[in-house]
């Protein structure tokens, strides 16, 4: 399975380059995982030290996400930070949804709700879509017809 199918064309088949990026959705999944592990540890009666270690990881990651992936241009979180540390400020549905659920920040949440692109079917996976060349699209979708 290709890991960079939702990335701009320059990342095609370049896992090392993709690996230098920081995606909102991936980081939100890690954040959620750290929080869940902490809750599970408390439920199971695990000692405080490992629980605190995961809570600290969650807090540090949350601070990094909030400072590095917030796009004031879009009033939303960016899709990812590229290999040069620059925001690719398209928005994406999974990371945005997780940030709305996990980050208790009414001001940002209201901005995100107002700025997230919606269609008649709900929010999009990625907005705006990246522009791809016809040859890039043909092998991904045999039904794609270049115009």
N, C-alpha and C. Protein backbone atom coordinates (compact mmCIF):
# COMPACT_ATOMS: atom_id res chain seq x y z
N UNK A 1 0.84 -1.18 0.00
CA UNK A 1 0.00 0.00 0.00
C UNK A 1 0.88 1.24 0.00
N UNK A 2 0.51 2.19 -0.78
CA UNK A 2 1.28 3.44 -0.87
C UNK A 2 0.92 4.33 0.31
N UNK A 3 1.92 4.85 1.00
CA UNK A 3 1.67 5.63 2.20
C UNK A 3 1.50 7.11 1.92
N UNK A 4 1.78 7.55 0.71
CA UNK A 4 1.75 8.98 0.44
C UNK A 4 0.74 9.35 -0.63
N UNK A 5 -0.35 8.60 -0.74
CA UNK A 5 -1.31 8.84 -1.82
C UNK A 5 -2.07 10.15 -1.66
N UNK A 6 -2.16 10.70 -0.48
CA UNK A 6 -2.85 11.96 -0.27
C UNK A 6 -1.92 13.15 -0.23
N UNK A 7 -0.67 12.96 -0.57
CA UNK A 7 0.33 14.02 -0.53
C UNK A 7 0.51 14.62 -1.92
N UNK A 8 1.09 15.81 -2.01
CA UNK A 8 1.38 16.39 -3.32
C UNK A 8 2.27 15.47 -4.15
N UNK A 9 2.25 15.67 -5.43
CA UNK A 9 2.93 14.79 -6.38
C UNK A 9 4.42 14.65 -6.13
N UNK A 10 5.08 15.67 -5.60
CA UNK A 10 6.53 15.58 -5.40
C UNK A 10 6.93 14.48 -4.42
N UNK A 11 5.99 13.99 -3.62
CA UNK A 11 6.27 12.94 -2.64
C UNK A 11 6.07 11.53 -3.20
N UNK A 12 5.66 11.43 -4.45
CA UNK A 12 5.36 10.13 -5.05
C UNK A 12 6.53 9.17 -4.91
N UNK A 13 6.26 8.01 -4.33
CA UNK A 13 7.24 6.93 -4.18
C UNK A 13 8.53 7.37 -3.49
N UNK A 14 8.43 8.30 -2.59
CA UNK A 14 9.60 8.79 -1.86
C UNK A 14 9.32 8.74 -0.36
N UNK A 15 9.33 7.53 0.18
CA UNK A 15 9.02 7.33 1.59
C UNK A 15 9.94 8.10 2.52
N UNK A 16 11.21 8.27 2.12
CA UNK A 16 12.13 9.03 2.97
C UNK A 16 11.71 10.49 3.06
N UNK A 17 11.23 11.05 1.97
CA UNK A 17 10.78 12.43 1.97
C UNK A 17 9.49 12.57 2.78
N UNK A 18 8.55 11.65 2.58
CA UNK A 18 7.31 11.66 3.35
C UNK A 18 7.63 11.53 4.85
N UNK A 19 8.62 10.72 5.17
CA UNK A 19 9.00 10.51 6.57
C UNK A 19 9.53 11.75 7.26
N UNK A 20 9.89 12.75 6.49
CA UNK A 20 10.38 14.01 7.07
C UNK A 20 9.25 15.00 7.33
N UNK A 21 8.02 14.62 6.98
CA UNK A 21 6.87 15.49 7.20
C UNK A 21 6.21 15.16 8.53
N UNK A 22 5.35 16.05 8.98
CA UNK A 22 4.62 15.84 10.23
C UNK A 22 3.14 16.09 9.96
N UNK A 23 2.37 15.01 9.81
CA UNK A 23 0.96 15.11 9.47
C UNK A 23 0.10 15.31 10.71
N UNK A 24 -0.91 16.17 10.58
CA UNK A 24 -1.83 16.42 11.68
C UNK A 24 -2.51 15.14 12.13
N UNK A 25 -3.06 14.37 11.20
CA UNK A 25 -3.81 13.18 11.60
C UNK A 25 -2.94 12.17 12.34
N UNK A 26 -1.74 11.94 11.87
CA UNK A 26 -0.84 11.00 12.54
C UNK A 26 -0.51 11.47 13.95
N UNK A 27 -0.20 12.75 14.08
CA UNK A 27 0.12 13.29 15.40
C UNK A 27 -1.08 13.28 16.33
N UNK A 28 -2.28 13.52 15.80
CA UNK A 28 -3.48 13.45 16.63
C UNK A 28 -3.75 12.02 17.09
N UNK A 29 -3.47 11.04 16.22
CA UNK A 29 -3.65 9.65 16.63
C UNK A 29 -2.68 9.27 17.74
N UNK A 30 -1.43 9.73 17.64
CA UNK A 30 -0.47 9.50 18.72
C UNK A 30 -0.93 10.18 20.01
N UNK A 31 -1.36 11.41 19.91
CA UNK A 31 -1.84 12.14 21.09
C UNK A 31 -2.99 11.37 21.76
N UNK A 32 -3.96 10.95 20.95
CA UNK A 32 -5.10 10.19 21.49
C UNK A 32 -4.64 8.89 22.12
N UNK A 33 -3.67 8.24 21.49
CA UNK A 33 -3.13 6.99 22.04
C UNK A 33 -2.47 7.20 23.39
N UNK A 34 -1.67 8.24 23.52
CA UNK A 34 -1.03 8.54 24.80
C UNK A 34 -2.08 8.79 25.89
N UNK A 35 -3.12 9.53 25.54
CA UNK A 35 -4.18 9.81 26.53
C UNK A 35 -4.91 8.53 26.93
N UNK A 36 -5.20 7.68 25.94
CA UNK A 36 -5.91 6.43 26.24
C UNK A 36 -5.06 5.48 27.08
N UNK A 37 -3.77 5.41 26.79
CA UNK A 37 -2.89 4.55 27.59
C UNK A 37 -2.87 5.02 29.03
N UNK A 38 -2.85 6.32 29.24
CA UNK A 38 -2.88 6.87 30.61
C UNK A 38 -4.16 6.48 31.33
N UNK A 39 -5.29 6.60 30.65
CA UNK A 39 -6.58 6.24 31.25
C UNK A 39 -6.64 4.74 31.54
N UNK A 40 -6.16 3.94 30.60
CA UNK A 40 -6.15 2.49 30.80
C UNK A 40 -5.27 2.12 31.99
N UNK A 41 -4.11 2.77 32.10
CA UNK A 41 -3.21 2.49 33.21
C UNK A 41 -3.86 2.78 34.55
N UNK A 42 -4.59 3.88 34.62
CA UNK A 42 -5.29 4.22 35.88
C UNK A 42 -6.36 3.18 36.19
N UNK A 43 -7.11 2.77 35.17
CA UNK A 43 -8.16 1.75 35.37
C UNK A 43 -7.57 0.43 35.86
N UNK A 44 -6.39 0.11 35.36
CA UNK A 44 -5.77 -1.17 35.70
C UNK A 44 -4.91 -1.11 36.96
N UNK A 45 -4.79 0.07 37.54
CA UNK A 45 -4.01 0.22 38.77
C UNK A 45 -2.51 0.21 38.56
N UNK A 46 -2.06 0.62 37.39
CA UNK A 46 -0.63 0.69 37.09
C UNK A 46 -0.01 1.79 37.95
N UNK A 47 1.26 1.63 38.28
CA UNK A 47 1.97 2.64 39.07
C UNK A 47 1.92 4.00 38.37
N UNK A 48 2.04 5.04 39.17
CA UNK A 48 1.92 6.41 38.63
C UNK A 48 3.01 6.79 37.64
N UNK A 49 4.23 6.31 37.84
CA UNK A 49 5.36 6.75 37.01
C UNK A 49 5.13 6.54 35.51
N UNK A 50 4.77 5.33 35.06
CA UNK A 50 4.55 5.17 33.61
C UNK A 50 3.33 5.95 33.12
N UNK A 51 2.33 6.08 33.95
CA UNK A 51 1.14 6.87 33.56
C UNK A 51 1.54 8.33 33.36
N UNK A 52 2.31 8.86 34.28
CA UNK A 52 2.76 10.26 34.16
C UNK A 52 3.64 10.45 32.93
N UNK A 53 4.43 9.44 32.59
CA UNK A 53 5.30 9.53 31.41
C UNK A 53 4.45 9.67 30.14
N UNK A 54 3.37 8.89 30.04
CA UNK A 54 2.50 9.01 28.86
C UNK A 54 1.71 10.31 28.87
N UNK A 55 1.30 10.76 30.05
CA UNK A 55 0.61 12.05 30.13
C UNK A 55 1.54 13.19 29.70
N UNK A 56 2.79 13.09 30.07
CA UNK A 56 3.77 14.11 29.67
C UNK A 56 3.99 14.08 28.16
N UNK A 57 4.08 12.88 27.58
CA UNK A 57 4.21 12.78 26.13
C UNK A 57 3.01 13.42 25.44
N UNK A 58 1.82 13.14 25.96
CA UNK A 58 0.60 13.72 25.38
C UNK A 58 0.64 15.24 25.48
N UNK A 59 1.02 15.77 26.63
CA UNK A 59 1.05 17.22 26.82
C UNK A 59 2.07 17.89 25.90
N UNK A 60 3.25 17.28 25.77
CA UNK A 60 4.27 17.84 24.88
C UNK A 60 3.83 17.80 23.42
N UNK A 61 3.23 16.69 23.03
CA UNK A 61 2.76 16.56 21.65
C UNK A 61 1.63 17.55 21.37
N UNK A 62 0.72 17.70 22.30
CA UNK A 62 -0.37 18.66 22.13
C UNK A 62 0.18 20.07 21.94
N UNK A 63 1.14 20.45 22.75
CA UNK A 63 1.74 21.78 22.62
C UNK A 63 2.43 21.95 21.26
N UNK A 64 3.10 20.91 20.80
CA UNK A 64 3.77 20.96 19.49
C UNK A 64 2.75 21.07 18.35
N UNK A 65 1.70 20.29 18.43
CA UNK A 65 0.66 20.35 17.40
C UNK A 65 0.06 21.75 17.36
N UNK A 66 -0.28 22.26 18.53
CA UNK A 66 -0.92 23.58 18.60
C UNK A 66 -0.01 24.69 18.11
N UNK A 67 1.27 24.59 18.36
CA UNK A 67 2.18 25.66 17.94
C UNK A 67 2.68 25.49 16.52
N UNK A 68 2.92 24.27 16.09
CA UNK A 68 3.56 24.05 14.79
C UNK A 68 2.57 23.81 13.65
N UNK A 69 1.39 23.29 13.93
CA UNK A 69 0.48 22.93 12.85
C UNK A 69 -0.74 23.86 12.73
N UNK A 70 -0.84 24.86 13.56
CA UNK A 70 -1.95 25.80 13.44
C UNK A 70 -1.67 26.78 12.30
N UNK A 71 -2.65 26.92 11.40
CA UNK A 71 -2.54 27.85 10.28
C UNK A 71 -3.46 29.04 10.55
N UNK A 72 -2.86 30.17 10.86
CA UNK A 72 -3.68 31.37 11.08
C UNK A 72 -4.28 31.85 9.76
N UNK A 73 -3.68 31.47 8.63
CA UNK A 73 -4.22 31.80 7.32
C UNK A 73 -5.58 31.12 7.11
N UNK A 74 -5.68 29.86 7.49
CA UNK A 74 -6.92 29.09 7.31
C UNK A 74 -7.81 29.08 8.55
N UNK A 75 -7.30 29.58 9.68
CA UNK A 75 -8.02 29.46 10.95
C UNK A 75 -8.37 28.00 11.22
N UNK A 76 -7.39 27.15 10.99
CA UNK A 76 -7.57 25.72 11.13
C UNK A 76 -6.18 25.09 11.24
N UNK A 77 -6.15 23.81 11.58
CA UNK A 77 -4.88 23.12 11.59
C UNK A 77 -4.49 22.75 10.16
N UNK A 78 -3.21 22.83 9.87
CA UNK A 78 -2.70 22.48 8.55
C UNK A 78 -2.66 20.97 8.39
N UNK A 79 -2.70 20.54 7.15
CA UNK A 79 -2.63 19.12 6.83
C UNK A 79 -1.32 18.52 7.31
N UNK A 80 -0.20 19.19 6.99
CA UNK A 80 1.08 18.70 7.48
C UNK A 80 2.14 19.79 7.40
N UNK A 81 3.22 19.53 8.11
CA UNK A 81 4.42 20.36 8.03
C UNK A 81 5.36 19.62 7.09
N UNK A 82 5.86 20.32 6.07
CA UNK A 82 6.71 19.63 5.09
C UNK A 82 8.13 19.41 5.61
N UNK A 83 8.96 18.84 4.76
CA UNK A 83 10.33 18.48 5.15
C UNK A 83 11.19 19.70 5.46
N UNK A 84 10.75 20.89 5.06
CA UNK A 84 11.49 22.12 5.33
C UNK A 84 10.92 22.88 6.53
N UNK A 85 9.93 22.29 7.19
CA UNK A 85 9.31 22.93 8.35
C UNK A 85 8.24 23.95 7.98
N UNK A 86 7.80 23.94 6.72
CA UNK A 86 6.76 24.86 6.27
C UNK A 86 5.40 24.17 6.30
N UNK A 87 4.36 24.94 6.63
CA UNK A 87 3.02 24.37 6.68
C UNK A 87 2.46 24.18 5.27
N UNK A 88 1.87 23.03 5.07
CA UNK A 88 1.05 22.79 3.89
C UNK A 88 -0.37 22.93 4.42
N UNK A 89 -0.91 24.15 4.25
CA UNK A 89 -2.10 24.49 5.02
C UNK A 89 -3.43 24.12 4.37
N UNK A 90 -3.42 23.07 3.55
CA UNK A 90 -4.68 22.44 3.19
C UNK A 90 -5.24 21.87 4.49
N UNK A 91 -6.52 21.62 4.54
CA UNK A 91 -7.08 21.00 5.74
C UNK A 91 -7.49 19.57 5.42
N UNK A 92 -7.51 18.74 6.45
CA UNK A 92 -7.91 17.35 6.25
C UNK A 92 -8.86 16.91 7.34
N UNK A 93 -9.81 16.08 6.95
CA UNK A 93 -10.92 15.73 7.82
C UNK A 93 -10.58 14.99 9.09
N UNK A 94 -9.74 13.97 9.02
CA UNK A 94 -9.45 13.16 10.20
C UNK A 94 -8.76 13.97 11.28
N UNK A 95 -7.67 14.62 10.95
CA UNK A 95 -6.93 15.40 11.95
C UNK A 95 -7.76 16.52 12.53
N UNK A 96 -8.53 17.20 11.67
CA UNK A 96 -9.40 18.29 12.14
C UNK A 96 -10.44 17.75 13.11
N UNK A 97 -11.06 16.62 12.77
CA UNK A 97 -12.07 16.02 13.65
C UNK A 97 -11.48 15.64 15.00
N UNK A 98 -10.32 15.02 14.98
CA UNK A 98 -9.69 14.61 16.24
C UNK A 98 -9.29 15.82 17.08
N UNK A 99 -8.82 16.88 16.44
CA UNK A 99 -8.47 18.10 17.18
C UNK A 99 -9.71 18.70 17.82
N UNK A 100 -10.83 18.71 17.10
CA UNK A 100 -12.08 19.22 17.67
C UNK A 100 -12.51 18.40 18.88
N UNK A 101 -12.34 17.09 18.80
CA UNK A 101 -12.76 16.22 19.89
C UNK A 101 -11.80 16.24 21.08
N UNK A 102 -10.50 16.36 20.80
CA UNK A 102 -9.50 16.17 21.86
C UNK A 102 -8.96 17.45 22.48
N UNK A 103 -9.01 18.56 21.76
CA UNK A 103 -8.45 19.80 22.29
C UNK A 103 -9.58 20.69 22.79
N UNK A 104 -9.55 20.99 24.06
CA UNK A 104 -10.57 21.82 24.67
C UNK A 104 -10.17 23.29 24.52
N UNK A 105 -10.52 23.86 23.37
CA UNK A 105 -10.15 25.24 23.06
C UNK A 105 -11.29 25.86 22.27
N UNK A 106 -12.22 26.49 22.97
CA UNK A 106 -13.43 27.00 22.33
C UNK A 106 -13.12 27.98 21.21
N UNK A 107 -12.14 28.86 21.39
CA UNK A 107 -11.83 29.85 20.37
C UNK A 107 -11.38 29.18 19.07
N UNK A 108 -10.40 28.29 19.18
CA UNK A 108 -9.93 27.60 17.98
C UNK A 108 -11.00 26.67 17.40
N UNK A 109 -11.71 25.99 18.26
CA UNK A 109 -12.76 25.09 17.78
C UNK A 109 -13.80 25.86 16.97
N UNK A 110 -14.20 27.03 17.44
CA UNK A 110 -15.16 27.84 16.69
C UNK A 110 -14.59 28.28 15.35
N UNK A 111 -13.33 28.67 15.33
CA UNK A 111 -12.69 29.04 14.06
C UNK A 111 -12.65 27.86 13.11
N UNK A 112 -12.32 26.66 13.65
CA UNK A 112 -12.24 25.46 12.82
C UNK A 112 -13.61 25.11 12.24
N UNK A 113 -14.64 25.20 13.07
CA UNK A 113 -15.98 24.88 12.58
C UNK A 113 -16.43 25.83 11.48
N UNK A 114 -16.03 27.07 11.58
CA UNK A 114 -16.40 28.06 10.56
C UNK A 114 -15.57 27.91 9.28
N UNK A 115 -14.32 27.47 9.41
CA UNK A 115 -13.43 27.45 8.25
C UNK A 115 -13.31 26.10 7.56
N UNK A 116 -13.81 25.04 8.16
CA UNK A 116 -13.70 23.71 7.54
C UNK A 116 -14.64 23.61 6.34
N UNK A 117 -14.08 23.23 5.21
CA UNK A 117 -14.87 23.10 3.98
C UNK A 117 -15.84 21.94 4.12
N UNK A 118 -17.08 22.19 3.78
CA UNK A 118 -18.09 21.14 3.81
C UNK A 118 -18.76 21.02 2.45
N UNK A 119 -19.31 19.85 2.21
CA UNK A 119 -20.09 19.60 1.00
C UNK A 119 -21.46 19.12 1.46
N UNK A 120 -22.31 18.82 0.52
CA UNK A 120 -23.64 18.31 0.89
C UNK A 120 -23.54 16.96 1.62
N UNK A 121 -22.36 16.30 1.53
CA UNK A 121 -22.17 15.00 2.16
C UNK A 121 -21.40 15.08 3.48
N UNK A 122 -20.92 16.25 3.84
CA UNK A 122 -20.15 16.42 5.07
C UNK A 122 -18.80 17.06 4.79
N UNK A 123 -17.85 16.83 5.70
CA UNK A 123 -16.53 17.42 5.50
C UNK A 123 -15.72 16.59 4.51
N UNK A 124 -14.75 17.24 3.92
CA UNK A 124 -13.91 16.55 2.93
C UNK A 124 -12.71 15.91 3.61
N UNK A 125 -12.13 14.93 2.98
CA UNK A 125 -10.90 14.32 3.49
C UNK A 125 -9.74 15.30 3.36
N UNK A 126 -9.73 16.08 2.28
CA UNK A 126 -8.64 17.02 2.00
C UNK A 126 -9.20 18.21 1.25
N UNK A 127 -8.85 19.43 1.70
CA UNK A 127 -9.30 20.63 1.01
C UNK A 127 -8.28 21.73 1.13
N UNK A 128 -8.02 22.46 0.07
CA UNK A 128 -8.37 22.12 -1.30
C UNK A 128 -7.52 20.94 -1.77
N UNK A 129 -8.03 20.27 -2.79
CA UNK A 129 -7.31 19.12 -3.34
C UNK A 129 -6.02 19.59 -4.00
N UNK A 130 -5.03 18.72 -4.01
CA UNK A 130 -3.79 19.02 -4.71
C UNK A 130 -4.02 18.83 -6.20
N UNK A 131 -3.28 19.58 -6.99
CA UNK A 131 -3.34 19.42 -8.44
C UNK A 131 -2.31 18.35 -8.83
N UNK A 132 -2.77 17.39 -9.60
CA UNK A 132 -1.90 16.31 -10.06
C UNK A 132 -1.87 16.30 -11.58
N UNK A 133 -0.77 15.86 -12.14
CA UNK A 133 -0.70 15.72 -13.59
C UNK A 133 -1.52 14.50 -14.02
N UNK A 134 -2.03 14.50 -15.25
CA UNK A 134 -2.80 13.35 -15.73
C UNK A 134 -2.03 12.04 -15.63
N UNK A 135 -0.72 12.04 -15.93
CA UNK A 135 0.05 10.79 -15.86
C UNK A 135 0.15 10.30 -14.41
N UNK A 136 0.19 11.20 -13.46
CA UNK A 136 0.23 10.81 -12.04
C UNK A 136 -1.08 10.13 -11.65
N UNK A 137 -2.20 10.61 -12.19
CA UNK A 137 -3.51 10.07 -11.83
C UNK A 137 -3.85 8.77 -12.55
N UNK A 138 -3.38 8.57 -13.76
CA UNK A 138 -3.79 7.43 -14.57
C UNK A 138 -3.54 6.08 -13.90
N UNK A 139 -2.37 5.87 -13.32
CA UNK A 139 -2.07 4.57 -12.73
C UNK A 139 -2.79 4.36 -11.41
N UNK A 140 -3.26 5.45 -10.76
CA UNK A 140 -3.99 5.33 -9.50
C UNK A 140 -5.46 5.00 -9.74
N UNK A 141 -5.99 5.51 -10.83
CA UNK A 141 -7.41 5.35 -11.10
C UNK A 141 -7.58 5.04 -12.58
N UNK A 142 -7.78 3.77 -12.92
CA UNK A 142 -7.87 3.41 -14.33
C UNK A 142 -9.06 4.09 -15.03
N UNK A 143 -10.04 4.57 -14.27
CA UNK A 143 -11.19 5.23 -14.87
C UNK A 143 -10.92 6.71 -15.11
N UNK A 144 -9.75 7.20 -14.64
CA UNK A 144 -9.44 8.61 -14.81
C UNK A 144 -9.24 8.91 -16.30
N UNK A 145 -9.89 9.93 -16.75
CA UNK A 145 -9.77 10.34 -18.15
C UNK A 145 -9.19 11.74 -18.15
N UNK A 146 -8.03 11.86 -18.75
CA UNK A 146 -7.42 13.19 -18.83
C UNK A 146 -8.16 14.01 -19.86
N UNK A 147 -8.27 15.29 -19.59
CA UNK A 147 -9.01 16.17 -20.51
C UNK A 147 -8.07 16.99 -21.35
